[in-house]
Amino acid sequence: MSVQIVRFSTGAEEIGEVEDGIKRLFAAVEEAAPTGIDYTALRVGDGAEFLLILELADADTNPLLEIQEALAFRAKVAGWAEAPVPPQSVTVLGRYSR
């Protein structure tokens, strides 16, 4: 399993645009229905900080790279954050799931 995060902040005036982009992104992911992934998008508190968490069953295969809206969203993040925001690998130290 591979876990990656993307964490970025925007200006307050861009929050709605980012949230709309996330809605379009997840609609496209739902339509494509890839398997072997767990994908979550979060807004931190009431602020303009966002966190995306991607868990891949196979670290060598990222089906999001084949979804056009996911690629478009990724390109927009750099503009919203005013700098490139590459995904970072993280190590899961604990997890509970039923």
PDB file of N, CA and C in Angstrom:
ATOM      1  N   MET A   1       0.844  -1.181   0.000  1.00  0.00           N
ATOM      2  CA  MET A   1       0.000   0.000   0.000  1.00  0.00           C
ATOM      3  C   MET A   1       0.884   1.236   0.000  1.00  0.00           C
ATOM      4  N   SER A   2       0.426   2.248  -0.687  1.00  0.00           N
ATOM      5  CA  SER A   2       1.103   3.536  -0.754  1.00  0.00           C
ATOM      6  C   SER A   2       0.113   4.609  -0.321  1.00  0.00           C
ATOM      7  N   VAL A   3       0.575   5.557   0.495  1.00  0.00           N
ATOM      8  CA  VAL A   3      -0.268   6.671   0.908  1.00  0.00           C
ATOM      9  C   VAL A   3       0.454   7.959   0.545  1.00  0.00           C
ATOM     10  N   GLN A   4      -0.259   8.848  -0.136  1.00  0.00           N
ATOM     11  CA  GLN A   4       0.287  10.137  -0.531  1.00  0.00           C
ATOM     12  C   GLN A   4      -0.652  11.238  -0.063  1.00  0.00           C
ATOM     13  N   ILE A   5      -0.060  12.381   0.263  1.00  0.00           N
ATOM     14  CA  ILE A   5      -0.870  13.537   0.626  1.00  0.00           C
ATOM     15  C   ILE A   5      -0.471  14.737  -0.227  1.00  0.00           C
ATOM     16  N   VAL A   6      -1.440  15.591  -0.439  1.00  0.00           N
ATOM     17  CA  VAL A   6      -1.207  16.907  -1.029  1.00  0.00           C
ATOM     18  C   VAL A   6      -1.868  17.886  -0.082  1.00  0.00           C
ATOM     19  N   ARG A   7      -1.090  18.822   0.420  1.00  0.00           N
ATOM     20  CA  ARG A   7      -1.594  19.823   1.367  1.00  0.00           C
ATOM     21  C   ARG A   7      -1.244  21.196   0.823  1.00  0.00           C
ATOM     22  N   PHE A   8      -2.271  22.064   0.731  1.00  0.00           N
ATOM     23  CA  PHE A   8      -2.005  23.388   0.200  1.00  0.00           C
ATOM     24  C   PHE A   8      -2.990  24.394   0.792  1.00  0.00           C
ATOM     25  N   SER A   9      -2.608  25.658   0.719  1.00  0.00           N
ATOM     26  CA  SER A   9      -3.450  26.762   1.180  1.00  0.00           C
ATOM     27  C   SER A   9      -3.700  27.705   0.013  1.00  0.00           C
ATOM     28  N   THR A  10      -4.833  28.398   0.088  1.00  0.00           N
ATOM     29  CA  THR A  10      -5.190  29.369  -0.935  1.00  0.00           C
ATOM     30  C   THR A  10      -5.583  30.669  -0.254  1.00  0.00           C
ATOM     31  N   GLY A  11      -5.855  31.643  -1.059  1.00  0.00           N
ATOM     32  CA  GLY A  11      -6.437  32.863  -0.517  1.00  0.00           C
ATOM     33  C   GLY A  11      -7.907  32.616  -0.219  1.00  0.00           C
ATOM     34  N   ALA A  12      -8.456  33.361   0.706  1.00  0.00           N
ATOM     35  CA  ALA A  12      -9.856  33.190   1.102  1.00  0.00           C
ATOM     36  C   ALA A  12     -10.801  33.336  -0.085  1.00  0.00           C
ATOM     37  N   GLU A  13     -10.449  34.186  -1.032  1.00  0.00           N
ATOM     38  CA  GLU A  13     -11.307  34.411  -2.196  1.00  0.00           C
ATOM     39  C   GLU A  13     -11.347  33.213  -3.148  1.00  0.00           C
ATOM     40  N   GLU A  14     -10.460  32.261  -2.993  1.00  0.00           N
ATOM     41  CA  GLU A  14     -10.401  31.091  -3.879  1.00  0.00           C
ATOM     42  C   GLU A  14     -11.036  29.839  -3.282  1.00  0.00           C
ATOM     43  N   ILE A  15     -11.506  29.912  -2.043  1.00  0.00           N
ATOM     44  CA  ILE A  15     -12.063  28.724  -1.385  1.00  0.00           C
ATOM     45  C   ILE A  15     -13.192  28.100  -2.210  1.00  0.00           C
ATOM     46  N   GLY A  16     -14.124  28.904  -2.672  1.00  0.00           N
ATOM     47  CA  GLY A  16     -15.243  28.384  -3.455  1.00  0.00           C
ATOM     48  C   GLY A  16     -14.788  27.712  -4.737  1.00  0.00           C
ATOM     49  N   GLU A  17     -13.809  28.304  -5.398  1.00  0.00           N
ATOM     50  CA  GLU A  17     -13.278  27.737  -6.635  1.00  0.00           C
ATOM     51  C   GLU A  17     -12.615  26.380  -6.370  1.00  0.00           C
ATOM     52  N   VAL A  18     -11.863  26.286  -5.287  1.00  0.00           N
ATOM     53  CA  VAL A  18     -11.218  25.019  -4.933  1.00  0.00           C
ATOM     54  C   VAL A  18     -12.276  23.970  -4.606  1.00  0.00           C
ATOM     55  N   GLU A  19     -13.274  24.342  -3.810  1.00  0.00           N
ATOM     56  CA  GLU A  19     -14.319  23.382  -3.455  1.00  0.00           C
ATOM     57  C   GLU A  19     -15.086  22.909  -4.686  1.00  0.00           C
ATOM     58  N   ASP A  20     -15.360  23.817  -5.639  1.00  0.00           N
ATOM     59  CA  ASP A  20     -16.004  23.417  -6.891  1.00  0.00           C
ATOM     60  C   ASP A  20     -15.102  22.463  -7.682  1.00  0.00           C
ATOM     61  N   GLY A  21     -13.800  22.752  -7.693  1.00  0.00           N
ATOM     62  CA  GLY A  21     -12.851  21.877  -8.377  1.00  0.00           C
ATOM     63  C   GLY A  21     -12.824  20.487  -7.757  1.00  0.00           C
ATOM     64  N   ILE A  22     -12.909  20.429  -6.441  1.00  0.00           N
ATOM     65  CA  ILE A  22     -12.927  19.127  -5.756  1.00  0.00           C
ATOM     66  C   ILE A  22     -14.207  18.370  -6.093  1.00  0.00           C
ATOM     67  N   LYS A  23     -15.330  19.072  -6.175  1.00  0.00           N
ATOM     68  CA  LYS A  23     -16.595  18.416  -6.562  1.00  0.00           C
ATOM     69  C   LYS A  23     -16.490  17.816  -7.958  1.00  0.00           C
ATOM     70  N   ARG A  24     -15.925  18.565  -8.900  1.00  0.00           N
ATOM     71  CA  ARG A  24     -15.764  18.061 -10.272  1.00  0.00           C
ATOM     72  C   ARG A  24     -14.795  16.878 -10.298  1.00  0.00           C
ATOM     73  N   LEU A  25     -13.705  16.996  -9.530  1.00  0.00           N
ATOM     74  CA  LEU A  25     -12.721  15.925  -9.446  1.00  0.00           C
ATOM     75  C   LEU A  25     -13.361  14.632  -8.958  1.00  0.00           C
ATOM     76  N   PHE A  26     -14.101  14.708  -7.863  1.00  0.00           N
ATOM     77  CA  PHE A  26     -14.685  13.493  -7.300  1.00  0.00           C
ATOM     78  C   PHE A  26     -15.827  12.949  -8.154  1.00  0.00           C
ATOM     79  N   ALA A  27     -16.534  13.811  -8.871  1.00  0.00           N
ATOM     80  CA  ALA A  27     -17.544  13.324  -9.813  1.00  0.00           C
ATOM     81  C   ALA A  27     -16.882  12.521 -10.927  1.00  0.00           C
ATOM     82  N   ALA A  28     -15.743  13.000 -11.415  1.00  0.00           N
ATOM     83  CA  ALA A  28     -15.017  12.286 -12.469  1.00  0.00           C
ATOM     84  C   ALA A  28     -14.452  10.968 -11.954  1.00  0.00           C
ATOM     85  N   VAL A  29     -13.958  10.975 -10.719  1.00  0.00           N
ATOM     86  CA  VAL A  29     -13.434   9.730 -10.128  1.00  0.00           C
ATOM     87  C   VAL A  29     -14.575   8.732  -9.947  1.00  0.00           C
ATOM     88  N   GLU A  30     -15.711   9.200  -9.455  1.00  0.00           N
ATOM     89  CA  GLU A  30     -16.880   8.311  -9.301  1.00  0.00           C
ATOM     90  C   GLU A  30     -17.291   7.718 -10.646  1.00  0.00           C
ATOM     91  N   GLU A  31     -17.282   8.535 -11.682  1.00  0.00           N
ATOM     92  CA  GLU A  31     -17.671   8.048 -13.005  1.00  0.00           C
ATOM     93  C   GLU A  31     -16.680   7.010 -13.525  1.00  0.00           C
ATOM     94  N   ALA A  32     -15.393   7.257 -13.343  1.00  0.00           N
ATOM     95  CA  ALA A  32     -14.369   6.313 -13.817  1.00  0.00           C
ATOM     96  C   ALA A  32     -14.344   5.041 -12.968  1.00  0.00           C
ATOM     97  N   ALA A  33     -14.724   5.163 -11.700  1.00  0.00           N
ATOM     98  CA  ALA A  33     -14.807   4.035 -10.760  1.00  0.00           C
ATOM     99  C   ALA A  33     -13.554   3.172 -10.717  1.00  0.00           C
ATOM    100  N   PRO A  34     -12.379   3.784 -10.496  1.00  0.00           N
ATOM    101  CA  PRO A  34     -11.172   2.967 -10.402  1.00  0.00           C
ATOM    102  C   PRO A  34     -11.199   2.104  -9.141  1.00  0.00           C
ATOM    103  N   THR A  35     -10.537   0.980  -9.200  1.00  0.00           N
ATOM    104  CA  THR A  35     -10.439   0.106  -8.033  1.00  0.00           C
ATOM    105  C   THR A  35      -9.050   0.225  -7.425  1.00  0.00           C
ATOM    106  N   GLY A  36      -8.933  -0.207  -6.184  1.00  0.00           N
ATOM    107  CA  GLY A  36      -7.641  -0.208  -5.516  1.00  0.00           C
ATOM    108  C   GLY A  36      -7.212   1.143  -4.974  1.00  0.00           C
ATOM    109  N   ILE A  37      -8.169   2.082  -4.810  1.00  0.00           N
ATOM    110  CA  ILE A  37      -7.817   3.384  -4.244  1.00  0.00           C
ATOM    111  C   ILE A  37      -8.821   3.775  -3.166  1.00  0.00           C
ATOM    112  N   ASP A  38      -8.341   4.600  -2.261  1.00  0.00           N
ATOM    113  CA  ASP A  38      -9.177   5.279  -1.274  1.00  0.00           C
ATOM    114  C   ASP A  38      -8.733   6.733  -1.356  1.00  0.00           C
ATOM    115  N   TYR A  39      -9.640   7.641  -1.690  1.00  0.00           N
ATOM    116  CA  TYR A  39      -9.282   9.029  -1.955  1.00  0.00           C
ATOM    117  C   TYR A  39     -10.172   9.928  -1.116  1.00  0.00           C
ATOM    118  N   THR A  40      -9.565  10.859  -0.400  1.00  0.00           N
ATOM    119  CA  THR A  40     -10.286  11.751   0.495  1.00  0.00           C
ATOM    120  C   THR A  40      -9.794  13.179   0.285  1.00  0.00           C
ATOM    121  N   ALA A  41     -10.713  14.134   0.249  1.00  0.00           N
ATOM    122  CA  ALA A  41     -10.363  15.551   0.201  1.00  0.00           C
ATOM    123  C   ALA A  41     -10.956  16.217   1.431  1.00  0.00           C
ATOM    124  N   LEU A  42     -10.168  17.050   2.083  1.00  0.00           N
ATOM    125  CA  LEU A  42     -10.581  17.710   3.319  1.00  0.00           C
ATOM    126  C   LEU A  42     -10.267  19.195   3.258  1.00  0.00           C
ATOM    127  N   ARG A  43     -11.108  19.971   3.916  1.00  0.00           N
ATOM    128  CA  ARG A  43     -10.812  21.385   4.168  1.00  0.00           C
ATOM    129  C   ARG A  43     -10.552  21.484   5.659  1.00  0.00           C
ATOM    130  N   VAL A  44      -9.463  22.099   6.026  1.00  0.00           N
ATOM    131  CA  VAL A  44      -9.051  22.177   7.426  1.00  0.00           C
ATOM    132  C   VAL A  44      -9.736  23.363   8.089  1.00  0.00           C
ATOM    133  N   GLY A  45     -10.553  23.080   9.098  1.00  0.00           N
ATOM    134  CA  GLY A  45     -11.255  24.131   9.839  1.00  0.00           C
ATOM    135  C   GLY A  45     -12.096  25.003   8.930  1.00  0.00           C
ATOM    136  N   ASP A  46     -12.154  26.296   9.255  1.00  0.00           N
ATOM    137  CA  ASP A  46     -12.899  27.258   8.455  1.00  0.00           C
ATOM    138  C   ASP A  46     -11.983  28.002   7.492  1.00  0.00           C
ATOM    139  N   GLY A  47     -10.726  27.600   7.460  1.00  0.00           N
ATOM    140  CA  GLY A  47      -9.733  28.327   6.686  1.00  0.00           C
ATOM    141  C   GLY A  47      -9.647  27.912   5.236  1.00  0.00           C
ATOM    142  N   ALA A  48      -8.554  28.277   4.625  1.00  0.00           N
ATOM    143  CA  ALA A  48      -8.324  28.042   3.203  1.00  0.00           C
ATOM    144  C   ALA A  48      -7.227  27.008   3.002  1.00  0.00           C
ATOM    145  N   GLU A  49      -7.151  26.047   3.922  1.00  0.00           N
ATOM    146  CA  GLU A  49      -6.166  24.971   3.808  1.00  0.00           C
ATOM    147  C   GLU A  49      -6.886  23.690   3.419  1.00  0.00           C
ATOM    148  N   PHE A  50      -6.313  22.981   2.452  1.00  0.00           N
ATOM    149  CA  PHE A  50      -6.913  21.761   1.929  1.00  0.00           C
ATOM    150  C   PHE A  50      -5.916  20.614   2.023  1.00  0.00           C
ATOM    151  N   LEU A  51      -6.456  19.422   2.188  1.00  0.00           N
ATOM    152  CA  LEU A  51      -5.643  18.219   2.304  1.00  0.00           C
ATOM    153  C   LEU A  51      -6.305  17.125   1.487  1.00  0.00           C
ATOM    154  N   LEU A  52      -5.547  16.523   0.597  1.00  0.00           N
ATOM    155  CA  LEU A  52      -6.021  15.382  -0.176  1.00  0.00           C
ATOM    156  C   LEU A  52      -5.178  14.177   0.209  1.00  0.00           C
ATOM    157  N   ILE A  53      -5.834  13.069   0.485  1.00  0.00           N
ATOM    158  CA  ILE A  53      -5.157  11.849   0.907  1.00  0.00           C
ATOM    159  C   ILE A  53      -5.515  10.747  -0.086  1.00  0.00           C
ATOM    160  N   LEU A  54      -4.497  10.145  -0.682  1.00  0.00           N
ATOM    161  CA  LEU A  54      -4.694   9.083  -1.655  1.00  0.00           C
ATOM    162  C   LEU A  54      -4.003   7.823  -1.158  1.00  0.00           C
ATOM    163  N   GLU A  55      -4.781   6.762  -1.003  1.00  0.00           N
ATOM    164  CA  GLU A  55      -4.231   5.457  -0.643  1.00  0.00           C
ATOM    165  C   GLU A  55      -4.365   4.550  -1.856  1.00  0.00           C
ATOM    166  N   LEU A  56      -3.251   3.954  -2.244  1.00  0.00           N
ATOM    167  CA  LEU A  56      -3.222   3.069  -3.397  1.00  0.00           C
ATOM    168  C   LEU A  56      -2.890   1.656  -2.941  1.00  0.00           C
ATOM    169  N   ALA A  57      -3.678   0.696  -3.360  1.00  0.00           N
ATOM    170  CA  ALA A  57      -3.404  -0.700  -3.026  1.00  0.00           C
ATOM    171  C   ALA A  57      -2.096  -1.147  -3.674  1.00  0.00           C
ATOM    172  N   ASP A  58      -1.829  -0.666  -4.889  1.00  0.00           N
ATOM    173  CA  ASP A  58      -0.609  -0.989  -5.626  1.00  0.00           C
ATOM    174  C   ASP A  58       0.181   0.307  -5.819  1.00  0.00           C
ATOM    175  N   ALA A  59       1.309   0.407  -5.160  1.00  0.00           N
ATOM    176  CA  ALA A  59       2.101   1.641  -5.195  1.00  0.00           C
ATOM    177  C   ALA A  59       2.579   1.995  -6.601  1.00  0.00           C
ATOM    178  N   ASP A  60       2.608   1.026  -7.501  1.00  0.00           N
ATOM    179  CA  ASP A  60       3.104   1.267  -8.852  1.00  0.00           C
ATOM    180  C   ASP A  60       2.013   1.702  -9.822  1.00  0.00           C
ATOM    181  N   THR A  61       0.757   1.715  -9.373  1.00  0.00           N
ATOM    182  CA  THR A  61      -0.355   2.042 -10.256  1.00  0.00           C
ATOM    183  C   THR A  61      -1.236   3.113  -9.623  1.00  0.00           C
ATOM    184  N   ASN A  62      -1.298   4.276 -10.277  1.00  0.00           N
ATOM    185  CA  ASN A  62      -2.160   5.358  -9.814  1.00  0.00           C
ATOM    186  C   ASN A  62      -3.207   5.633 -10.895  1.00  0.00           C
ATOM    187  N   PRO A  63      -4.421   5.099 -10.736  1.00  0.00           N
ATOM    188  CA  PRO A  63      -5.448   5.282 -11.757  1.00  0.00           C
ATOM    189  C   PRO A  63      -5.886   6.732 -11.944  1.00  0.00           C
ATOM    190  N   LEU A  64      -5.589   7.608 -11.004  1.00  0.00           N
ATOM    191  CA  LEU A  64      -5.956   9.020 -11.165  1.00  0.00           C
ATOM    192  C   LEU A  64      -5.217   9.654 -12.337  1.00  0.00           C
ATOM    193  N   LEU A  65      -4.050   9.127 -12.663  1.00  0.00           N
ATOM    194  CA  LEU A  65      -3.266   9.681 -13.765  1.00  0.00           C
ATOM    195  C   LEU A  65      -3.917   9.441 -15.121  1.00  0.00           C
ATOM    196  N   GLU A  66      -4.964   8.629 -15.152  1.00  0.00           N
ATOM    197  CA  GLU A  66      -5.687   8.354 -16.391  1.00  0.00           C
ATOM    198  C   GLU A  66      -7.041   9.072 -16.440  1.00  0.00           C
ATOM    199  N   ILE A  67      -7.335   9.885 -15.437  1.00  0.00           N
ATOM    200  CA  ILE A  67      -8.601  10.612 -15.381  1.00  0.00           C
ATOM    201  C   ILE A  67      -8.317  12.077 -15.682  1.00  0.00           C
ATOM    202  N   GLN A  68      -8.844  12.573 -16.795  1.00  0.00           N
ATOM    203  CA  GLN A  68      -8.536  13.926 -17.259  1.00  0.00           C
ATOM    204  C   GLN A  68      -8.833  14.989 -16.209  1.00  0.00           C
ATOM    205  N   GLU A  69      -9.961  14.888 -15.516  1.00  0.00           N
ATOM    206  CA  GLU A  69     -10.309  15.900 -14.515  1.00  0.00           C
ATOM    207  C   GLU A  69      -9.323  15.889 -13.346  1.00  0.00           C
ATOM    208  N   ALA A  70      -8.785  14.724 -13.010  1.00  0.00           N
ATOM    209  CA  ALA A  70      -7.776  14.640 -11.940  1.00  0.00           C
ATOM    210  C   ALA A  70      -6.496  15.356 -12.360  1.00  0.00           C
ATOM    211  N   LEU A  71      -6.117  15.191 -13.615  1.00  0.00           N
ATOM    212  CA  LEU A  71      -4.925  15.883 -14.121  1.00  0.00           C
ATOM    213  C   LEU A  71      -5.161  17.395 -14.169  1.00  0.00           C
ATOM    214  N   ALA A  72      -6.352  17.798 -14.577  1.00  0.00           N
ATOM    215  CA  ALA A  72      -6.680  19.231 -14.634  1.00  0.00           C
ATOM    216  C   ALA A  72      -6.672  19.833 -13.231  1.00  0.00           C
ATOM    217  N   PHE A  73      -7.240  19.116 -12.261  1.00  0.00           N
ATOM    218  CA  PHE A  73      -7.260  19.602 -10.884  1.00  0.00           C
ATOM    219  C   PHE A  73      -5.832  19.765 -10.366  1.00  0.00           C
ATOM    220  N   ARG A  74      -5.013  18.764 -10.618  1.00  0.00           N
ATOM    221  CA  ARG A  74      -3.614  18.810 -10.164  1.00  0.00           C
ATOM    222  C   ARG A  74      -2.904  20.041 -10.716  1.00  0.00           C
ATOM    223  N   ALA A  75      -3.167  20.375 -11.978  1.00  0.00           N
ATOM    224  CA  ALA A  75      -2.543  21.553 -12.585  1.00  0.00           C
ATOM    225  C   ALA A  75      -3.029  22.841 -11.925  1.00  0.00           C
ATOM    226  N   LYS A  76      -4.299  22.885 -11.518  1.00  0.00           N
ATOM    227  CA  LYS A  76      -4.855  24.082 -10.892  1.00  0.00           C
ATOM    228  C   LYS A  76      -4.319  24.314  -9.481  1.00  0.00           C
ATOM    229  N   VAL A  77      -3.944  23.249  -8.789  1.00  0.00           N
ATOM    230  CA  VAL A  77      -3.460  23.383  -7.409  1.00  0.00           C
ATOM    231  C   VAL A  77      -2.263  24.320  -7.335  1.00  0.00           C
ATOM    232  N   ALA A  78      -1.348  24.211  -8.268  1.00  0.00           N
ATOM    233  CA  ALA A  78      -0.158  25.070  -8.256  1.00  0.00           C
ATOM    234  C   ALA A  78      -0.551  26.547  -8.338  1.00  0.00           C
ATOM    235  N   GLY A  79      -1.568  26.867  -9.124  1.00  0.00           N
ATOM    236  CA  GLY A  79      -2.031  28.251  -9.222  1.00  0.00           C
ATOM    237  C   GLY A  79      -2.692  28.709  -7.948  1.00  0.00           C
ATOM    238  N   TRP A  80      -3.542  27.865  -7.383  1.00  0.00           N
ATOM    239  CA  TRP A  80      -4.197  28.225  -6.134  1.00  0.00           C
ATOM    240  C   TRP A  80      -3.198  28.412  -5.004  1.00  0.00           C
ATOM    241  N   ALA A  81      -2.194  27.548  -4.959  1.00  0.00           N
ATOM    242  CA  ALA A  81      -1.203  27.596  -3.882  1.00  0.00           C
ATOM    243  C   ALA A  81      -0.066  28.565  -4.183  1.00  0.00           C
ATOM    244  N   GLU A  82      -0.023  29.079  -5.415  1.00  0.00           N
ATOM    245  CA  GLU A  82       1.017  29.997  -5.880  1.00  0.00           C
ATOM    246  C   GLU A  82       2.397  29.368  -5.889  1.00  0.00           C
ATOM    247  N   ALA A  83       2.444  28.027  -5.983  1.00  0.00           N
ATOM    248  CA  ALA A  83       3.696  27.274  -6.084  1.00  0.00           C
ATOM    249  C   ALA A  83       3.347  25.820  -6.381  1.00  0.00           C
ATOM    250  N   PRO A  84       4.251  25.092  -7.009  1.00  0.00           N
ATOM    251  CA  PRO A  84       3.993  23.667  -7.221  1.00  0.00           C
ATOM    252  C   PRO A  84       3.813  22.943  -5.888  1.00  0.00           C
ATOM    253  N   VAL A  85       2.890  21.994  -5.861  1.00  0.00           N
ATOM    254  CA  VAL A  85       2.611  21.223  -4.645  1.00  0.00           C
ATOM    255  C   VAL A  85       2.660  19.737  -5.023  1.00  0.00           C
ATOM    256  N   PRO A  86       3.839  19.147  -4.993  1.00  0.00           N
ATOM    257  CA  PRO A  86       3.932  17.733  -5.355  1.00  0.00           C
ATOM    258  C   PRO A  86       3.351  16.840  -4.255  1.00  0.00           C
ATOM    259  N   PRO A  87       2.811  15.681  -4.641  1.00  0.00           N
ATOM    260  CA  PRO A  87       2.351  14.740  -3.615  1.00  0.00           C
ATOM    261  C   PRO A  87       3.527  14.285  -2.762  1.00  0.00           C
ATOM    262  N   GLN A  88       3.264  14.065  -1.494  1.00  0.00           N
ATOM    263  CA  GLN A  88       4.294  13.564  -0.579  1.00  0.00           C
ATOM    264  C   GLN A  88       3.879  12.179  -0.102  1.00  0.00           C
ATOM    265  N   SER A  89       4.825  11.258  -0.095  1.00  0.00           N
ATOM    266  CA  SER A  89       4.557   9.943   0.467  1.00  0.00           C
ATOM    267  C   SER A  89       4.578  10.047   1.981  1.00  0.00           C
ATOM    268  N   VAL A  90       3.687   9.328   2.622  1.00  0.00           N
ATOM    269  CA  VAL A  90       3.648   9.286   4.078  1.00  0.00           C
ATOM    270  C   VAL A  90       3.609   7.831   4.521  1.00  0.00           C
ATOM    271  N   THR A  91       3.991   7.601   5.762  1.00  0.00           N
ATOM    272  CA  THR A  91       3.969   6.269   6.338  1.00  0.00           C
ATOM    273  C   THR A  91       2.851   6.198   7.360  1.00  0.00           C
ATOM    274  N   VAL A  92       1.952   5.251   7.185  1.00  0.00           N
ATOM    275  CA  VAL A  92       0.854   5.061   8.115  1.00  0.00           C
ATOM    276  C   VAL A  92       1.410   4.360   9.351  1.00  0.00           C
ATOM    277  N   LEU A  93       1.266   4.997  10.495  1.00  0.00           N
ATOM    278  CA  LEU A  93       1.756   4.438  11.749  1.00  0.00           C
ATOM    279  C   LEU A  93       0.654   3.769  12.562  1.00  0.00           C
ATOM    280  N   GLY A  94      -0.544   4.125  12.294  1.00  0.00           N
ATOM    281  CA  GLY A  94      -1.675   3.507  12.985  1.00  0.00           C
ATOM    282  C   GLY A  94      -2.936   3.780  12.205  1.00  0.00           C
ATOM    283  N   ARG A  95      -3.850   2.830  12.255  1.00  0.00           N
ATOM    284  CA  ARG A  95      -5.103   3.007  11.540  1.00  0.00           C
ATOM    285  C   ARG A  95      -6.115   2.031  12.103  1.00  0.00           C
ATOM    286  N   TYR A  96      -7.331   2.488  12.225  1.00  0.00           N
ATOM    287  CA  TYR A  96      -8.410   1.624  12.662  1.00  0.00           C
ATOM    288  C   TYR A  96      -9.512   1.709  11.615  1.00  0.00           C
ATOM    289  N   SER A  97      -9.983   0.578  11.146  1.00  0.00           N
ATOM    290  CA  SER A  97     -11.060   0.537  10.169  1.00  0.00           C
ATOM    291  C   SER A  97     -11.884  -0.701  10.414  1.00  0.00           C
ATOM    292  N   ARG A  98     -13.183  -0.582  10.334  1.00  0.00           N
ATOM    293  CA  ARG A  98     -14.063  -1.749  10.509  1.00  0.00           C
ATOM    294  C   ARG A  98     -14.593  -2.192   9.195  1.00  0.00           C
TER     295      ARG A  98
END
